[in-house]
Amino acid sequence: MDHGSSEPPNPGLRGRDLLGLGGFLVAAVVGGLVIGLLLDHLAGTSPLFVLLGIAAGIVGAGVGFWVKVRDALRS
C-alpha cells in the first residue's frame, strides 16, 4: 500500500453517474423531437424538422456522452 499518496482512488462511473448519463441521452433526443415538432407546426411542414431535430438530438447526445465518459475516465 502507498500511504504517501494524497489522491483518492479512481471510482470510475458509478450507478448514479450511469443513471444521469442515461437521462441526459433521453433528454437530448426527446428535446430534439419536441423542438422539431414545434418548428414543423409553426412552419406547416412535416416531418422535416422532426427528423432534423431527432438527428440533432442524437448528435448532441453522442457528443455529450463522449465528453462525460472521457472526463469520468480521466479523473
N, C-alpha and C. Protein backbone atom coordinates (compact mmCIF):
# COMPACT_ATOMS: atom_id res chain seq x y z
N MET A 1 0.83 -1.19 0.00
CA MET A 1 0.00 0.00 0.00
C MET A 1 0.86 1.24 0.00
N ASP A 2 0.39 2.26 -0.70
CA ASP A 2 1.11 3.52 -0.77
C ASP A 2 0.39 4.52 0.11
N HIS A 3 0.91 4.74 1.32
CA HIS A 3 0.27 5.66 2.26
C HIS A 3 0.65 7.10 1.99
N GLY A 4 1.63 7.36 1.12
CA GLY A 4 2.09 8.71 0.86
C GLY A 4 1.25 9.43 -0.19
N SER A 5 0.40 8.73 -0.90
CA SER A 5 -0.40 9.34 -1.96
C SER A 5 -1.61 10.03 -1.36
N SER A 6 -1.84 11.28 -1.78
CA SER A 6 -2.98 12.02 -1.27
C SER A 6 -4.16 11.97 -2.24
N GLU A 7 -4.01 11.33 -3.40
CA GLU A 7 -5.09 11.26 -4.37
C GLU A 7 -6.05 10.13 -4.01
N PRO A 8 -7.37 10.41 -4.08
CA PRO A 8 -8.33 9.33 -3.82
C PRO A 8 -8.32 8.33 -4.97
N PRO A 9 -8.72 7.11 -4.72
CA PRO A 9 -8.78 6.13 -5.80
C PRO A 9 -9.82 6.53 -6.84
N ASN A 10 -9.57 6.15 -8.09
CA ASN A 10 -10.48 6.48 -9.18
C ASN A 10 -11.70 5.57 -9.11
N PRO A 11 -12.88 6.13 -8.80
CA PRO A 11 -14.06 5.28 -8.69
C PRO A 11 -14.66 4.91 -10.05
N GLY A 12 -14.27 5.60 -11.13
CA GLY A 12 -14.86 5.33 -12.43
C GLY A 12 -16.30 5.81 -12.48
N LEU A 13 -17.10 5.16 -13.27
CA LEU A 13 -18.51 5.52 -13.39
C LEU A 13 -19.32 4.66 -12.43
N ARG A 14 -20.04 5.31 -11.54
CA ARG A 14 -20.88 4.60 -10.58
C ARG A 14 -22.31 4.55 -11.11
N GLY A 15 -23.16 3.86 -10.38
CA GLY A 15 -24.55 3.69 -10.80
C GLY A 15 -25.28 4.99 -11.01
N ARG A 16 -25.13 5.93 -10.09
CA ARG A 16 -25.84 7.20 -10.24
C ARG A 16 -25.29 8.00 -11.42
N ASP A 17 -24.00 7.85 -11.72
CA ASP A 17 -23.43 8.51 -12.90
C ASP A 17 -24.05 7.95 -14.17
N LEU A 18 -24.23 6.64 -14.20
CA LEU A 18 -24.81 6.00 -15.38
C LEU A 18 -26.28 6.36 -15.53
N LEU A 19 -27.02 6.48 -14.42
CA LEU A 19 -28.41 6.91 -14.49
C LEU A 19 -28.51 8.33 -15.03
N GLY A 20 -27.64 9.19 -14.55
CA GLY A 20 -27.62 10.57 -15.04
C GLY A 20 -27.27 10.64 -16.51
N LEU A 21 -26.36 9.80 -16.93
CA LEU A 21 -25.95 9.76 -18.33
C LEU A 21 -27.10 9.26 -19.20
N GLY A 22 -27.82 8.25 -18.73
CA GLY A 22 -28.98 7.76 -19.47
C GLY A 22 -30.06 8.81 -19.59
N GLY A 23 -30.31 9.52 -18.49
CA GLY A 23 -31.29 10.61 -18.53
C GLY A 23 -30.89 11.70 -19.49
N PHE A 24 -29.60 12.01 -19.54
CA PHE A 24 -29.09 13.02 -20.47
C PHE A 24 -29.33 12.59 -21.92
N LEU A 25 -29.06 11.32 -22.22
CA LEU A 25 -29.24 10.81 -23.58
C LEU A 25 -30.71 10.90 -23.99
N VAL A 26 -31.60 10.49 -23.11
CA VAL A 26 -33.04 10.55 -23.40
C VAL A 26 -33.49 12.00 -23.59
N ALA A 27 -33.05 12.87 -22.70
CA ALA A 27 -33.46 14.28 -22.77
C ALA A 27 -32.99 14.94 -24.07
N ALA A 28 -31.79 14.61 -24.52
CA ALA A 28 -31.28 15.21 -25.74
C ALA A 28 -32.12 14.79 -26.95
N VAL A 29 -32.43 13.52 -27.06
CA VAL A 29 -33.20 13.04 -28.21
C VAL A 29 -34.65 13.52 -28.13
N VAL A 30 -35.27 13.42 -26.97
CA VAL A 30 -36.66 13.87 -26.82
C VAL A 30 -36.75 15.39 -27.00
N GLY A 31 -35.76 16.11 -26.49
CA GLY A 31 -35.73 17.57 -26.69
C GLY A 31 -35.67 17.93 -28.16
N GLY A 32 -34.83 17.23 -28.92
CA GLY A 32 -34.75 17.47 -30.36
C GLY A 32 -36.07 17.16 -31.05
N LEU A 33 -36.72 16.09 -30.63
CA LEU A 33 -38.01 15.71 -31.19
C LEU A 33 -39.06 16.79 -30.93
N VAL A 34 -39.14 17.26 -29.69
CA VAL A 34 -40.15 18.26 -29.33
C VAL A 34 -39.91 19.57 -30.07
N ILE A 35 -38.66 19.99 -30.13
CA ILE A 35 -38.35 21.23 -30.87
C ILE A 35 -38.70 21.06 -32.35
N GLY A 36 -38.40 19.89 -32.90
CA GLY A 36 -38.77 19.62 -34.29
C GLY A 36 -40.27 19.66 -34.51
N LEU A 37 -41.03 19.08 -33.58
CA LEU A 37 -42.49 19.12 -33.69
C LEU A 37 -43.01 20.55 -33.66
N LEU A 38 -42.46 21.35 -32.77
CA LEU A 38 -42.89 22.76 -32.68
C LEU A 38 -42.56 23.52 -33.96
N LEU A 39 -41.36 23.31 -34.47
CA LEU A 39 -40.97 24.01 -35.70
C LEU A 39 -41.80 23.54 -36.90
N ASP A 40 -42.11 22.24 -36.97
CA ASP A 40 -42.97 21.74 -38.03
C ASP A 40 -44.36 22.36 -37.94
N HIS A 41 -44.87 22.48 -36.73
CA HIS A 41 -46.19 23.08 -36.54
C HIS A 41 -46.19 24.55 -36.98
N LEU A 42 -45.15 25.28 -36.60
CA LEU A 42 -45.07 26.70 -36.96
C LEU A 42 -44.85 26.91 -38.45
N ALA A 43 -44.05 26.05 -39.07
CA ALA A 43 -43.72 26.22 -40.49
C ALA A 43 -44.72 25.53 -41.40
N GLY A 44 -45.58 24.69 -40.86
CA GLY A 44 -46.55 23.98 -41.67
C GLY A 44 -45.91 22.86 -42.49
N THR A 45 -44.80 22.35 -42.03
CA THR A 45 -44.12 21.26 -42.72
C THR A 45 -44.24 19.99 -41.89
N SER A 46 -43.99 18.88 -42.53
CA SER A 46 -43.97 17.62 -41.81
C SER A 46 -43.26 16.60 -42.66
N PRO A 47 -42.43 15.80 -42.19
CA PRO A 47 -41.75 15.65 -40.91
C PRO A 47 -40.34 16.24 -40.94
N LEU A 48 -40.12 17.25 -41.76
CA LEU A 48 -38.78 17.80 -41.97
C LEU A 48 -38.07 18.16 -40.67
N PHE A 49 -38.65 19.03 -39.88
CA PHE A 49 -37.98 19.48 -38.67
C PHE A 49 -37.96 18.42 -37.57
N VAL A 50 -38.92 17.51 -37.59
CA VAL A 50 -38.89 16.41 -36.63
C VAL A 50 -37.66 15.55 -36.88
N LEU A 51 -37.42 15.21 -38.14
CA LEU A 51 -36.25 14.39 -38.47
C LEU A 51 -34.95 15.13 -38.18
N LEU A 52 -34.91 16.42 -38.51
CA LEU A 52 -33.71 17.21 -38.21
C LEU A 52 -33.50 17.34 -36.70
N GLY A 53 -34.58 17.51 -35.96
CA GLY A 53 -34.48 17.62 -34.51
C GLY A 53 -34.00 16.32 -33.87
N ILE A 54 -34.51 15.20 -34.35
CA ILE A 54 -34.06 13.91 -33.83
C ILE A 54 -32.59 13.70 -34.15
N ALA A 55 -32.19 14.03 -35.38
CA ALA A 55 -30.79 13.88 -35.77
C ALA A 55 -29.88 14.77 -34.91
N ALA A 56 -30.30 16.01 -34.70
CA ALA A 56 -29.51 16.91 -33.86
C ALA A 56 -29.46 16.40 -32.42
N GLY A 57 -30.56 15.85 -31.92
CA GLY A 57 -30.57 15.29 -30.58
C GLY A 57 -29.63 14.11 -30.44
N ILE A 58 -29.60 13.25 -31.46
CA ILE A 58 -28.71 12.09 -31.42
C ILE A 58 -27.25 12.53 -31.47
N VAL A 59 -26.94 13.50 -32.32
CA VAL A 59 -25.57 14.01 -32.38
C VAL A 59 -25.18 14.67 -31.06
N GLY A 60 -26.07 15.50 -30.52
CA GLY A 60 -25.80 16.15 -29.24
C GLY A 60 -25.63 15.15 -28.11
N ALA A 61 -26.46 14.11 -28.11
CA ALA A 61 -26.36 13.07 -27.09
C ALA A 61 -25.03 12.32 -27.22
N GLY A 62 -24.64 12.03 -28.44
CA GLY A 62 -23.37 11.32 -28.65
C GLY A 62 -22.17 12.13 -28.19
N VAL A 63 -22.18 13.41 -28.53
CA VAL A 63 -21.06 14.28 -28.12
C VAL A 63 -21.06 14.44 -26.60
N GLY A 64 -22.22 14.67 -26.02
CA GLY A 64 -22.30 14.80 -24.56
C GLY A 64 -21.88 13.53 -23.85
N PHE A 65 -22.28 12.38 -24.37
CA PHE A 65 -21.89 11.09 -23.80
C PHE A 65 -20.38 10.93 -23.83
N TRP A 66 -19.79 11.23 -24.98
CA TRP A 66 -18.34 11.10 -25.13
C TRP A 66 -17.60 12.01 -24.15
N VAL A 67 -18.04 13.25 -24.02
CA VAL A 67 -17.38 14.20 -23.12
C VAL A 67 -17.50 13.75 -21.66
N LYS A 68 -18.69 13.33 -21.24
CA LYS A 68 -18.89 12.93 -19.85
C LYS A 68 -18.10 11.66 -19.51
N VAL A 69 -18.10 10.69 -20.41
CA VAL A 69 -17.36 9.46 -20.14
C VAL A 69 -15.86 9.73 -20.17
N ARG A 70 -15.41 10.54 -21.11
CA ARG A 70 -13.97 10.88 -21.18
C ARG A 70 -13.53 11.55 -19.89
N ASP A 71 -14.32 12.51 -19.41
CA ASP A 71 -13.97 13.21 -18.17
C ASP A 71 -13.97 12.27 -16.97
N ALA A 72 -14.95 11.35 -16.94
CA ALA A 72 -15.02 10.40 -15.82
C ALA A 72 -13.83 9.44 -15.81
N LEU A 73 -13.38 9.05 -16.97
CA LEU A 73 -12.27 8.11 -17.05
C LEU A 73 -10.92 8.79 -16.81
N ARG A 74 -10.84 10.09 -17.05
CA ARG A 74 -9.60 10.83 -16.81
C ARG A 74 -9.36 11.08 -15.32
N SER A 75 -10.44 11.26 -14.58
CA SER A 75 -10.27 11.61 -13.17
C SER A 75 -9.93 10.43 -12.31
